[in-house]
Amino acid sequence: MEQLILDYLSENWSKDSAQKIQFSSVPKGQTGDLAMNFFALTKELGKNPIVIGSEIAEVLSKCDLVEKTEQAGPYLNLFFSLSTFFAQVFDTKVEISLLENKEIILEYSGPNTNKPLHLGHMRNHALGISLGYLLEAAGATVHRVNIINDKGLALAKSMLAYDQFGENKTPESEDKKSDHFAGDWYVRYDFESKKNPELEKELPDIMRAWEAGDEKWVGIWNQLTDWVISGVEETYERQGVWFDLASRESEHYERGREFAYEGLEKGVFKQREDQTIYIDLKDQDMGEKVVLRADGTAIYLTQDLSLWPLRKNHFGSNIDEMIYVVGDEQNYYFQTVFTSLKKLNLVGDTTMTFYGYGLVNLPDGRMKSREGTVVDADNLMDELSTIAEEEITKRNPELSQEQSHDIAEQIMNGAWKFFLLRTSPNKTITFDAQKSIDFQGATGPYLQYAGVRIKSIFEKEGLDMDHSKALSNFDAFTNAEKALGVKILEWPKVLTRSAEAKNPTLVVTYLLELAQSWSSFYGENSILNADSEALKEARLALAAKIYQVLDKGLSILGISIPVKM
């Protein structure tokens, strides 16, 4: 509607001035469907905003889109003609073309093979999942990639602990999920090294031996990494995480080492007396960053230098943007990566984006993996699923145990994803499991229930959710439905802002407002017992449209609507 109004004013008033008009929700205490303000035009036209509003009100009095206008201070509130208004509501698209023809590579997750996934990874996944779907809803082609960090000091600690204390135990012998079993040895190293600090001195030798192909250490490494990756993949499937290309650090560090020497030959990198290769970024106030250790062993930077060309070649050279979803404490590191790639002339026209996010804390403080004080993703999901299943069984005793469990898994995923996305990514958050699974609060389950309630209306009538798509007569609508129509019309703008800012939190906020508007309307207005058959059909159509937007918005967040709740 906004664009239609602007188009009308461009033709019948002033094209240049019309483009500077701003729209907003109607201020509290006022009435109308949409508010216009003219603050940006005041200086340009040399007129008071009230005067400008009066002029525009006169022009719009001849517009079929607008039933009437109402001046309220600096605002001009618009009341749309019902038939024209709802025609636009039902024409609202759930996807946009903002990023059409854009090709984006999105990296997220990045698990370490010394431990299972934990709550911190879950925030990364919530953002990675939603960002991928968000960019696709805006028209982009998104390639999801993952790097599995399967080498380094952290894994060497697990290898050493398993070698000395493992006693050939296996996940099967201990009846443990494989990644949890492997993670125990990382915690065990921390415990043992406090008693015997000399253990730390063995780690560089283990890394060198592994890179040299030592049979013993390669064997232990293979076993531990296989256990972790197998367990992580199970968790991925449960969370709805997937990738077009997954790489292992161990597959690329040698090529990264070649990049380091090539950069040295080109003069991009420098070498110290101890043979350490580094990049000098002091001219950008970033100091010096090691690219390759003195003993020739690789580090994360070595790996990332080789990964980018590999990915670009894999998906084609026309990559518009490469996005890394990583904790914000890695900001400096990725600035180093980007600068190094640019100096090696490997970036081209691609925009390199660091998408940082804040920590996830527990109510009693920060998590620490090495001390075993993390919340494992599997354990948290089990807890949420159990709570949800108990509630579903209570509400729907006719469901089988398998049906209740499947629904509980959907609710569980709705709970943690929504909770971790409802706060802006750059902020640190404290995760509260009980609050996240609340069916009544501002939660994922609340939004899922809104969708379930709409579906139940159609089930009662024996109608398919597509039943109302052919509605063409909008004269039956009343002013009671307008607030919902206004909310639906906001969706493309919200999707645009969210995609531009790469911020799914904007989608979360909108969906809450949509669901609350629907709940208020449904509590005061009957659909199946409407005053007339025509109004009933119109409200069914509107309910189906709300469901369409709600379902699309939730799918962007990686959340599905269950059949029952």
Protein backbone atom coordinates (compact mmCIF):
# COMPACT_ATOMS: atom_id res chain seq x y z
CA MET A 1 0.00 0.00 0.00
CA GLU A 2 2.82 2.41 0.81
CA GLN A 3 4.25 2.14 -2.69
CA LEU A 4 0.81 2.54 -4.28
CA ILE A 5 0.25 5.72 -2.26
CA LEU A 6 3.67 7.06 -3.25
CA ASP A 7 3.01 6.23 -6.90
CA TYR A 8 -0.28 8.12 -6.76
CA LEU A 9 1.33 11.16 -5.12
CA SER A 10 4.20 11.07 -7.64
CA GLU A 11 1.67 11.39 -10.46
CA ASN A 12 -0.74 13.81 -8.84
CA TRP A 13 1.44 15.91 -6.52
CA SER A 14 5.26 15.86 -6.75
CA LYS A 15 7.46 12.94 -7.78
CA ASP A 16 10.58 14.22 -5.98
CA SER A 17 8.80 15.20 -2.78
CA ALA A 18 6.70 12.02 -2.65
CA GLN A 19 9.82 9.87 -2.32
CA LYS A 20 10.78 11.70 0.89
CA ILE A 21 7.52 10.94 2.68
CA GLN A 22 7.95 8.56 5.60
CA PHE A 23 5.48 5.94 6.84
CA SER A 24 5.03 4.46 10.28
CA SER A 25 2.49 2.72 12.46
CA VAL A 26 -0.29 4.98 13.71
CA PRO A 27 0.87 6.55 17.02
CA LYS A 28 -0.81 5.27 20.17
CA GLY A 29 -4.01 7.09 21.01
CA GLN A 30 -4.70 7.90 17.36
CA THR A 31 -6.79 6.05 14.78
CA GLY A 32 -6.11 4.99 11.22
CA ASP A 33 -4.40 2.23 9.25
CA LEU A 34 -1.08 3.88 8.46
CA ALA A 35 0.60 7.15 9.41
CA MET A 36 2.53 9.52 7.15
CA ASN A 37 5.00 12.13 8.36
CA PHE A 38 6.79 14.86 6.48
CA PHE A 39 9.73 15.79 8.70
CA ALA A 40 12.20 15.21 5.86
CA LEU A 41 10.24 17.60 3.64
CA THR A 42 9.85 20.47 6.10
CA LYS A 43 13.18 22.14 5.37
CA GLU A 44 13.15 21.36 1.66
CA LEU A 45 9.70 22.84 1.05
CA GLY A 46 9.96 25.51 3.74
CA LYS A 47 6.58 24.52 5.12
CA ASN A 48 5.23 23.30 8.43
CA PRO A 49 4.53 19.51 8.38
CA ILE A 50 0.88 20.22 9.21
CA VAL A 51 0.60 22.40 6.10
CA ILE A 52 2.23 19.71 3.96
CA GLY A 53 -0.15 17.14 5.46
CA SER A 54 -3.14 19.30 4.55
CA GLU A 55 -1.96 19.56 0.94
CA ILE A 56 -1.49 15.81 0.66
CA ALA A 57 -4.84 15.13 2.31
CA GLU A 58 -6.47 17.19 -0.43
CA VAL A 59 -4.68 15.20 -3.14
CA LEU A 60 -5.55 11.85 -1.54
CA SER A 61 -9.23 12.79 -1.26
CA LYS A 62 -9.48 11.82 -4.95
CA CYS A 63 -7.54 8.51 -4.51
CA ASP A 64 -9.58 5.28 -4.64
CA LEU A 65 -7.12 3.65 -2.26
CA VAL A 66 -7.94 5.99 0.61
CA GLU A 67 -11.36 6.21 2.24
CA LYS A 68 -10.41 9.22 4.34
CA THR A 69 -7.48 10.95 6.06
CA GLU A 70 -7.14 12.43 9.51
CA GLN A 71 -4.62 15.07 10.56
CA ALA A 72 -3.10 14.38 13.98
CA GLY A 73 -0.39 16.93 14.72
CA PRO A 74 2.54 16.33 12.35
CA TYR A 75 1.02 13.02 11.21
CA LEU A 76 -1.49 12.37 8.46
CA ASN A 77 -3.29 9.13 9.27
CA LEU A 78 -4.71 7.17 6.37
CA PHE A 79 -7.86 5.06 6.37
CA PHE A 80 -7.80 2.68 3.42
CA SER A 81 -10.79 1.66 1.31
CA LEU A 82 -11.66 -1.88 2.44
CA SER A 83 -11.90 -3.61 -0.92
CA THR A 84 -8.75 -2.04 -2.37
CA PHE A 85 -6.89 -2.52 0.91
CA PHE A 86 -7.62 -6.25 1.23
CA ALA A 87 -6.85 -6.83 -2.42
CA GLN A 88 -3.33 -5.61 -1.57
CA VAL A 89 -3.23 -7.72 1.60
CA PHE A 90 -3.89 -10.91 -0.33
CA ASP A 91 -1.40 -9.94 -2.98
CA THR A 92 1.38 -9.68 -0.38
CA LYS A 93 4.29 -11.95 -1.29
CA VAL A 94 6.02 -13.97 1.43
CA GLU A 95 9.38 -13.71 -0.38
CA ILE A 96 11.14 -10.75 -2.00
CA SER A 97 13.68 -10.22 -4.79
CA LEU A 98 16.04 -7.87 -2.92
CA LEU A 99 19.04 -10.20 -3.36
CA GLU A 100 18.01 -11.80 -6.64
CA ASN A 101 21.03 -13.07 -8.63
CA LYS A 102 23.28 -12.69 -5.56
CA GLU A 103 25.42 -15.70 -4.68
CA ILE A 104 26.54 -16.04 -1.07
CA ILE A 105 28.70 -18.53 0.82
CA LEU A 106 27.71 -18.89 4.47
CA GLU A 107 30.00 -20.59 6.98
CA TYR A 108 28.73 -21.57 10.39
CA SER A 109 29.05 -24.21 13.13
CA GLY A 110 32.81 -25.00 12.98
CA PRO A 111 32.85 -27.81 15.58
CA ASN A 112 36.01 -28.97 17.31
CA THR A 113 36.62 -32.72 17.41
CA ASN A 114 37.64 -32.70 21.06
CA LYS A 115 34.10 -32.28 22.44
CA PRO A 116 30.40 -32.50 21.67
CA LEU A 117 28.35 -29.49 20.61
CA HIS A 118 27.19 -27.23 23.42
CA LEU A 119 24.89 -24.27 24.07
CA GLY A 120 27.36 -21.84 22.50
CA HIS A 121 27.21 -23.83 19.26
CA MET A 122 23.41 -23.67 19.45
CA ARG A 123 23.45 -19.88 19.18
CA ASN A 124 25.79 -20.19 16.23
CA HIS A 125 23.42 -22.72 14.64
CA ALA A 126 20.30 -20.66 15.32
CA LEU A 127 21.94 -17.70 13.56
CA GLY A 128 23.44 -19.77 10.74
CA ILE A 129 20.19 -21.61 10.01
CA SER A 130 18.06 -18.46 10.06
CA LEU A 131 20.55 -16.32 8.14
CA GLY A 132 20.68 -18.88 5.34
CA TYR A 133 16.90 -19.09 5.02
CA LEU A 134 16.53 -15.32 5.41
CA LEU A 135 18.90 -14.55 2.55
CA GLU A 136 17.17 -17.14 0.37
CA ALA A 137 13.76 -15.62 1.17
CA ALA A 138 15.24 -12.34 -0.10
CA GLY A 139 16.18 -13.98 -3.40
CA ALA A 140 19.83 -15.00 -2.89
CA THR A 141 21.45 -18.32 -3.70
CA VAL A 142 23.12 -19.48 -0.48
CA HIS A 143 25.86 -22.12 -0.23
CA ARG A 144 26.21 -23.42 3.34
CA VAL A 145 29.70 -24.54 4.34
CA ASN A 146 31.32 -25.93 7.45
CA ILE A 147 34.89 -26.35 8.63
CA ILE A 148 35.52 -29.14 11.12
CA ASN A 149 38.45 -28.24 13.35
CA ASP A 150 40.00 -31.67 13.69
CA LYS A 151 43.57 -30.79 14.64
CA GLY A 152 45.42 -28.53 17.03
CA LEU A 153 46.41 -28.34 20.68
CA ALA A 154 42.91 -28.95 22.02
CA LEU A 155 42.64 -32.27 20.23
CA ALA A 156 46.21 -33.15 21.19
CA LYS A 157 45.08 -32.85 24.83
CA SER A 158 42.28 -35.35 24.25
CA MET A 159 44.66 -37.68 22.39
CA LEU A 160 47.18 -37.61 25.22
CA ALA A 161 44.51 -38.27 27.87
CA TYR A 162 42.97 -41.15 25.93
CA ASP A 163 46.40 -42.67 25.28
CA GLN A 164 47.36 -42.59 28.96
CA PHE A 165 44.03 -43.26 30.65
CA GLY A 166 41.67 -44.63 28.01
CA GLU A 167 42.28 -48.34 28.67
CA ASN A 168 40.76 -49.14 25.24
CA LYS A 169 37.33 -48.00 26.33
CA THR A 170 34.80 -47.18 23.62
CA PRO A 171 31.45 -45.38 23.45
CA GLU A 172 29.81 -48.79 23.23
CA SER A 173 31.59 -50.17 26.30
CA GLU A 174 30.62 -47.07 28.29
CA ASP A 175 27.12 -46.79 26.76
CA LYS A 176 27.67 -43.16 25.74
CA LYS A 177 26.96 -41.11 22.65
CA SER A 178 30.23 -41.12 20.71
CA ASP A 179 30.99 -37.39 20.80
CA HIS A 180 30.23 -37.20 24.52
CA PHE A 181 32.58 -40.11 25.16
CA ALA A 182 35.38 -38.43 23.18
CA GLY A 183 34.75 -35.13 24.98
CA ASP A 184 35.33 -36.77 28.34
CA TRP A 185 39.03 -37.08 27.53
CA TYR A 186 39.39 -33.35 26.96
CA VAL A 187 37.98 -32.78 30.44
CA ARG A 188 40.17 -35.60 31.79
CA TYR A 189 43.30 -33.88 30.42
CA ASP A 190 42.43 -30.69 32.28
CA PHE A 191 42.00 -32.68 35.49
CA GLU A 192 45.26 -34.60 35.07
CA SER A 193 47.34 -31.61 33.95
CA LYS A 194 46.49 -29.79 37.17
CA LYS A 195 48.06 -32.67 39.04
CA ASN A 196 50.94 -33.02 36.57
CA PRO A 197 51.77 -29.75 34.69
CA GLU A 198 54.53 -31.58 32.79
CA LEU A 199 51.87 -33.11 30.54
CA GLU A 200 51.59 -29.82 28.66
CA LYS A 201 55.16 -30.15 27.40
CA GLU A 202 54.20 -33.29 25.48
CA LEU A 203 51.56 -31.58 23.33
CA PRO A 204 53.87 -29.97 20.68
CA ASP A 205 55.60 -33.33 20.19
CA ILE A 206 52.23 -35.02 19.67
CA MET A 207 51.25 -32.44 17.05
CA ARG A 208 54.55 -32.78 15.20
CA ALA A 209 54.33 -36.57 15.29
CA TRP A 210 50.77 -36.47 13.96
CA GLU A 211 51.71 -34.13 11.09
CA ALA A 212 54.65 -36.43 10.30
CA GLY A 213 52.23 -39.38 9.99
CA ASP A 214 53.19 -41.24 13.18
CA GLU A 215 51.11 -44.45 13.15
CA LYS A 216 50.21 -44.41 16.84
CA TRP A 217 49.06 -40.80 17.05
CA VAL A 218 47.31 -40.86 13.68
CA GLY A 219 45.42 -43.94 14.88
CA ILE A 220 44.26 -42.28 18.11
CA TRP A 221 43.39 -39.10 16.17
CA ASN A 222 41.33 -41.05 13.64
CA GLN A 223 39.41 -42.81 16.38
CA LEU A 224 38.61 -39.69 18.41
CA THR A 225 37.67 -37.56 15.39
CA ASP A 226 35.45 -40.30 13.95
CA TRP A 227 33.63 -40.59 17.28
CA VAL A 228 33.07 -36.86 17.54
CA ILE A 229 32.03 -36.29 13.93
CA SER A 230 29.60 -39.22 14.05
CA GLY A 231 27.96 -37.81 17.19
CA VAL A 232 27.91 -34.25 15.88
CA GLU A 233 26.17 -35.36 12.69
CA GLU A 234 23.41 -36.92 14.80
CA THR A 235 22.95 -33.60 16.59
CA TYR A 236 22.97 -31.72 13.28
CA GLU A 237 20.14 -33.88 11.95
CA ARG A 238 18.11 -33.29 15.09
CA GLN A 239 18.60 -29.51 14.88
CA GLY A 240 17.98 -29.16 11.14
CA VAL A 241 21.59 -28.22 10.37
CA TRP A 242 22.96 -29.14 6.93
CA PHE A 243 25.74 -28.09 4.58
CA ASP A 244 26.49 -28.07 0.86
CA LEU A 245 30.19 -28.47 1.55
CA ALA A 246 31.91 -29.62 4.75
CA SER A 247 35.70 -29.58 5.04
CA ARG A 248 38.17 -30.81 7.63
CA GLU A 249 41.08 -28.71 8.79
CA SER A 250 43.30 -31.76 8.43
CA GLU A 251 42.57 -31.83 4.70
CA HIS A 252 43.74 -28.27 4.08
CA TYR A 253 46.56 -27.35 6.44
CA GLU A 254 49.25 -28.52 4.01
CA ARG A 255 47.85 -26.33 1.22
CA GLY A 256 47.65 -23.52 3.75
CA ARG A 257 51.31 -24.03 4.51
CA GLU A 258 52.03 -23.66 0.79
CA PHE A 259 50.10 -20.38 0.84
CA ALA A 260 52.30 -19.23 3.68
CA TYR A 261 55.49 -19.85 1.69
CA GLU A 262 53.97 -18.35 -1.46
CA GLY A 263 53.08 -15.24 0.52
CA LEU A 264 56.65 -15.13 1.82
CA GLU A 265 58.02 -15.28 -1.73
CA LYS A 266 55.68 -12.48 -2.82
CA GLY A 267 56.76 -10.32 0.09
CA VAL A 268 53.26 -10.32 1.60
CA PHE A 269 54.49 -12.27 4.62
CA LYS A 270 57.74 -11.98 6.55
CA GLN A 271 59.94 -14.45 8.41
CA ARG A 272 61.59 -14.14 11.80
CA GLU A 273 64.96 -15.58 12.75
CA ASP A 274 63.29 -18.61 14.32
CA GLN A 275 61.60 -19.30 10.94
CA THR A 276 58.13 -18.18 12.08
CA ILE A 277 56.19 -16.74 9.15
CA TYR A 278 53.96 -13.78 9.96
CA ILE A 279 52.04 -10.92 8.39
CA ASP A 280 52.86 -7.37 9.45
CA LEU A 281 49.65 -5.39 9.93
CA LYS A 282 51.07 -2.61 12.08
CA ASP A 283 50.18 -0.09 9.36
CA GLN A 284 46.53 -0.93 10.13
CA ASP A 285 47.03 -0.93 13.91
CA MET A 286 46.64 -4.73 13.99
CA GLY A 287 50.19 -5.66 14.98
CA GLU A 288 51.80 -8.87 13.71
CA LYS A 289 49.98 -12.15 13.20
CA VAL A 290 51.66 -15.55 12.89
CA VAL A 291 50.78 -17.43 9.71
CA LEU A 292 52.97 -20.50 10.27
CA ARG A 293 54.74 -21.58 13.45
CA ALA A 294 58.54 -21.81 13.67
CA ASP A 295 58.39 -25.62 13.63
CA GLY A 296 56.29 -25.55 10.45
CA THR A 297 53.02 -26.60 12.08
CA ALA A 298 49.86 -24.93 10.86
CA ILE A 299 47.36 -22.76 12.76
CA TYR A 300 43.79 -21.65 12.04
CA LEU A 301 44.96 -18.81 9.79
CA THR A 302 46.97 -21.27 7.70
CA GLN A 303 43.79 -23.26 7.16
CA ASP A 304 41.54 -20.31 6.32
CA LEU A 305 43.95 -19.03 3.69
CA SER A 306 43.55 -22.28 1.76
CA LEU A 307 39.82 -22.70 2.36
CA TRP A 308 38.63 -19.57 0.58
CA PRO A 309 40.05 -20.40 -2.90
CA LEU A 310 38.77 -23.97 -2.51
CA ARG A 311 35.23 -22.80 -1.78
CA LYS A 312 35.27 -20.17 -4.50
CA ASN A 313 36.36 -22.73 -7.08
CA HIS A 314 33.85 -25.29 -5.83
CA PHE A 315 30.82 -23.01 -6.17
CA GLY A 316 32.05 -20.92 -9.10
CA SER A 317 33.93 -17.67 -9.27
CA ASN A 318 30.94 -15.30 -9.11
CA ILE A 319 30.58 -15.21 -5.34
CA ASP A 320 29.19 -11.87 -4.18
CA GLU A 321 29.71 -12.36 -0.46
CA MET A 322 31.41 -14.72 1.99
CA ILE A 323 29.88 -14.64 5.47
CA TYR A 324 31.52 -16.12 8.56
CA VAL A 325 29.18 -16.71 11.52
CA VAL A 326 31.54 -16.76 14.52
CA GLY A 327 31.64 -15.51 18.12
CA ASP A 328 32.49 -11.80 18.27
CA GLU A 329 35.72 -12.48 20.17
CA GLN A 330 37.09 -13.64 16.79
CA ASN A 331 36.68 -10.21 15.21
CA TYR A 332 40.40 -9.37 15.20
CA TYR A 333 41.31 -12.79 13.86
CA PHE A 334 38.96 -12.51 10.88
CA GLN A 335 40.14 -9.01 10.09
CA THR A 336 43.55 -10.64 9.83
CA VAL A 337 42.19 -13.34 7.53
CA PHE A 338 40.50 -10.80 5.25
CA THR A 339 43.56 -8.56 5.10
CA SER A 340 45.85 -11.50 4.34
CA LEU A 341 43.59 -12.74 1.54
CA LYS A 342 43.42 -9.26 0.02
CA LYS A 343 47.19 -8.87 0.12
CA LEU A 344 47.47 -12.24 -1.62
CA ASN A 345 45.05 -10.95 -4.30
CA LEU A 346 42.59 -13.77 -3.59
CA VAL A 347 39.44 -11.79 -2.73
CA GLY A 348 38.51 -10.11 -6.01
CA ASP A 349 35.08 -8.47 -5.95
CA THR A 350 33.73 -10.64 -3.14
CA THR A 351 32.62 -8.91 0.05
CA MET A 352 34.10 -10.65 3.10
CA THR A 353 31.76 -10.35 6.09
CA PHE A 354 32.43 -11.19 9.72
CA TYR A 355 29.09 -11.93 11.41
CA GLY A 356 29.92 -11.82 15.10
CA TYR A 357 27.61 -12.69 17.99
CA GLY A 358 27.81 -12.43 21.76
CA LEU A 359 28.32 -15.12 24.36
CA VAL A 360 25.62 -17.36 25.78
CA ASN A 361 25.83 -17.56 29.56
CA LEU A 362 24.04 -19.70 32.08
CA PRO A 363 22.17 -18.16 35.03
CA ASP A 364 25.18 -19.01 37.24
CA GLY A 365 27.89 -17.76 34.90
CA ARG A 366 30.01 -18.49 31.82
CA MET A 367 30.53 -21.98 30.44
CA LYS A 368 34.00 -23.59 30.32
CA SER A 369 34.49 -26.62 28.09
CA ARG A 370 37.76 -27.83 29.57
CA GLU A 371 36.27 -27.90 33.06
CA GLY A 372 33.16 -29.73 31.91
CA THR A 373 30.84 -26.89 32.98
CA VAL A 374 29.10 -26.50 29.61
CA VAL A 375 25.53 -27.32 28.75
CA ASP A 376 25.78 -30.02 26.09
CA ALA A 377 23.41 -29.44 23.18
CA ASP A 378 22.06 -32.99 23.32
CA ASN A 379 21.31 -32.83 27.04
CA LEU A 380 19.58 -29.47 26.71
CA MET A 381 17.48 -30.66 23.78
CA ASP A 382 16.54 -33.80 25.72
CA GLU A 383 15.41 -31.68 28.65
CA LEU A 384 13.31 -29.38 26.48
CA SER A 385 11.82 -32.27 24.54
CA THR A 386 10.85 -34.09 27.73
CA ILE A 387 9.06 -31.01 29.08
CA ALA A 388 7.27 -30.54 25.76
CA GLU A 389 6.27 -34.21 25.52
CA GLU A 390 4.75 -34.18 28.99
CA GLU A 391 2.65 -31.15 28.06
CA ILE A 392 1.59 -32.61 24.70
CA THR A 393 0.59 -35.93 26.27
CA LYS A 394 -1.48 -34.09 28.87
CA ARG A 395 -3.26 -32.00 26.23
CA ASN A 396 -3.67 -34.77 23.64
CA PRO A 397 -3.99 -38.15 25.38
CA GLU A 398 -5.25 -39.72 22.15
CA LEU A 399 -1.83 -39.38 20.50
CA SER A 400 0.56 -42.33 20.39
CA GLN A 401 3.90 -42.08 22.18
CA GLU A 402 5.66 -41.77 18.82
CA GLN A 403 3.36 -38.94 17.71
CA SER A 404 3.81 -37.08 20.99
CA HIS A 405 7.58 -37.47 20.75
CA ASP A 406 7.72 -36.18 17.16
CA ILE A 407 5.66 -33.11 18.10
CA ALA A 408 7.80 -32.55 21.21
CA GLU A 409 10.93 -32.52 19.02
CA GLN A 410 9.39 -29.80 16.84
CA ILE A 411 8.47 -27.76 19.90
CA MET A 412 11.92 -28.27 21.40
CA ASN A 413 13.54 -26.88 18.25
CA GLY A 414 11.10 -23.98 18.23
CA ALA A 415 11.95 -23.21 21.85
CA TRP A 416 15.73 -22.93 21.75
CA LYS A 417 15.98 -21.38 18.29
CA PHE A 418 13.47 -18.66 19.10
CA PHE A 419 15.03 -17.91 22.50
CA LEU A 420 18.51 -17.55 21.00
CA LEU A 421 17.24 -15.38 18.14
CA ARG A 422 14.96 -13.02 20.05
CA THR A 423 17.94 -10.94 21.25
CA SER A 424 20.11 -9.02 18.78
CA PRO A 425 23.12 -11.15 17.78
CA ASN A 426 25.71 -8.68 19.08
CA LYS A 427 24.42 -8.93 22.66
CA THR A 428 25.43 -11.43 25.33
CA ILE A 429 22.46 -13.47 26.53
CA THR A 430 21.62 -15.75 29.43
CA PHE A 431 19.78 -18.89 28.40
CA ASP A 432 16.82 -19.94 30.55
CA ALA A 433 15.57 -23.39 29.55
CA GLN A 434 12.26 -23.15 31.43
CA LYS A 435 11.36 -19.78 29.93
CA SER A 436 12.24 -20.92 26.43
CA ILE A 437 9.72 -23.80 26.49
CA ASP A 438 6.81 -21.81 27.96
CA PHE A 439 3.69 -22.31 25.81
CA GLN A 440 2.18 -18.99 26.95
CA GLY A 441 5.01 -16.46 26.91
CA ALA A 442 6.82 -14.66 24.10
CA THR A 443 8.36 -17.92 22.91
CA GLY A 444 8.74 -20.21 19.94
CA PRO A 445 6.06 -22.61 21.25
CA TYR A 446 3.64 -19.66 21.52
CA LEU A 447 4.14 -18.89 17.83
CA GLN A 448 3.84 -22.56 16.89
CA TYR A 449 0.57 -22.75 18.84
CA ALA A 450 -0.78 -19.74 16.92
CA GLY A 451 -0.23 -21.70 13.72
CA VAL A 452 -1.79 -24.84 15.19
CA ARG A 453 -4.92 -22.89 16.21
CA ILE A 454 -5.35 -21.58 12.67
CA LYS A 455 -4.98 -25.07 11.22
CA SER A 456 -7.55 -26.41 13.68
CA ILE A 457 -10.15 -23.96 12.32
CA PHE A 458 -9.78 -25.42 8.84
CA GLU A 459 -9.78 -28.98 10.18
CA LYS A 460 -13.12 -28.35 11.91
CA GLU A 461 -14.60 -27.30 8.58
CA GLY A 462 -12.89 -30.12 6.70
CA LEU A 463 -11.08 -27.57 4.55
CA ASP A 464 -7.60 -27.54 3.13
CA MET A 465 -5.32 -24.64 4.07
CA ASP A 466 -5.34 -23.63 0.40
CA HIS A 467 -9.13 -23.37 0.45
CA SER A 468 -9.31 -19.56 0.37
CA LYS A 469 -6.69 -18.73 -2.24
CA ALA A 470 -9.30 -18.04 -4.91
CA LEU A 471 -11.10 -15.36 -2.88
CA SER A 472 -11.65 -12.34 -5.15
CA ASN A 473 -14.54 -10.46 -3.48
CA PHE A 474 -13.22 -8.37 -0.60
CA ASP A 475 -16.40 -6.39 0.09
CA ALA A 476 -17.39 -8.64 3.01
CA PHE A 477 -14.50 -7.48 5.17
CA THR A 478 -15.09 -5.06 8.02
CA ASN A 479 -12.86 -2.66 9.92
CA ALA A 480 -12.35 -5.40 12.55
CA GLU A 481 -9.98 -7.25 10.19
CA LYS A 482 -7.98 -4.19 9.17
CA ALA A 483 -5.35 -4.40 11.93
CA LEU A 484 -4.43 -7.90 10.75
CA GLY A 485 -4.31 -6.69 7.16
CA VAL A 486 -1.96 -3.86 8.12
CA LYS A 487 0.30 -6.38 9.87
CA ILE A 488 0.43 -8.63 6.83
CA LEU A 489 1.32 -5.69 4.61
CA GLU A 490 4.32 -4.98 6.85
CA TRP A 491 5.90 -8.37 6.12
CA PRO A 492 7.82 -7.54 2.89
CA LYS A 493 9.28 -4.42 4.54
CA VAL A 494 10.32 -6.41 7.62
CA LEU A 495 11.88 -9.06 5.40
CA THR A 496 13.75 -6.37 3.48
CA ARG A 497 15.12 -4.68 6.61
CA SER A 498 16.03 -8.02 8.14
CA ALA A 499 17.91 -9.19 5.03
CA GLU A 500 19.70 -5.86 4.63
CA ALA A 501 20.82 -5.91 8.27
CA LYS A 502 21.36 -9.69 8.28
CA ASN A 503 19.37 -9.71 11.50
CA PRO A 504 16.73 -12.45 12.01
CA THR A 505 15.74 -10.82 15.31
CA LEU A 506 13.61 -8.41 13.26
CA VAL A 507 11.66 -11.40 11.95
CA VAL A 508 11.23 -12.70 15.50
CA THR A 509 9.78 -9.38 16.70
CA TYR A 510 7.41 -9.17 13.75
CA LEU A 511 6.12 -12.73 14.19
CA LEU A 512 5.37 -12.09 17.84
CA GLU A 513 3.39 -8.98 16.94
CA LEU A 514 1.53 -10.86 14.18
CA ALA A 515 0.64 -13.75 16.48
CA GLN A 516 -0.49 -11.38 19.25
CA SER A 517 -2.66 -9.43 16.78
CA TRP A 518 -4.19 -12.67 15.55
CA SER A 519 -4.83 -13.90 19.10
CA SER A 520 -6.56 -10.63 20.01
CA PHE A 521 -8.72 -10.73 16.90
CA TYR A 522 -9.63 -14.40 17.31
CA GLY A 523 -10.58 -13.83 20.94
CA GLU A 524 -13.09 -11.15 19.97
CA ASN A 525 -14.34 -12.28 16.55
CA SER A 526 -15.77 -15.62 15.49
CA ILE A 527 -14.67 -17.06 12.19
CA LEU A 528 -16.83 -20.14 11.72
CA ASN A 529 -19.85 -18.40 13.32
CA ALA A 530 -19.43 -15.07 11.56
CA ASP A 531 -22.52 -12.92 10.93
CA SER A 532 -22.72 -14.00 7.30
CA GLU A 533 -21.40 -16.72 5.03
CA ALA A 534 -19.53 -14.07 3.04
CA LEU A 535 -17.79 -12.77 6.17
CA LYS A 536 -16.98 -16.31 7.23
CA GLU A 537 -15.31 -16.98 3.86
CA ALA A 538 -13.44 -13.68 4.07
CA ARG A 539 -12.15 -14.42 7.57
CA LEU A 540 -11.12 -17.93 6.56
CA ALA A 541 -9.15 -16.41 3.70
CA LEU A 542 -7.51 -13.94 6.07
CA ALA A 543 -6.65 -16.71 8.55
CA ALA A 544 -5.04 -18.69 5.72
CA LYS A 545 -3.00 -15.64 4.70
CA ILE A 546 -1.84 -15.09 8.28
CA TYR A 547 -0.84 -18.75 8.47
CA GLN A 548 1.09 -18.39 5.20
CA VAL A 549 3.12 -15.46 6.55
CA LEU A 550 3.56 -17.06 9.99
CA ASP A 551 4.69 -20.34 8.47
CA LYS A 552 7.17 -18.59 6.18
CA GLY A 553 8.54 -16.45 8.98
CA LEU A 554 9.00 -19.45 11.28
CA SER A 555 10.60 -21.47 8.49
CA ILE A 556 13.17 -18.67 8.12
CA LEU A 557 14.01 -19.25 11.78
CA GLY A 558 14.26 -23.00 11.16
CA ILE A 559 11.04 -23.66 13.07
CA SER A 560 8.11 -25.80 11.87
CA ILE A 561 4.45 -25.74 12.93
CA PRO A 562 3.30 -29.06 14.46
CA VAL A 563 -0.01 -30.74 13.62
CA LYS A 564 -1.18 -30.47 17.23
CA MET A 565 -0.16 -28.84 20.50
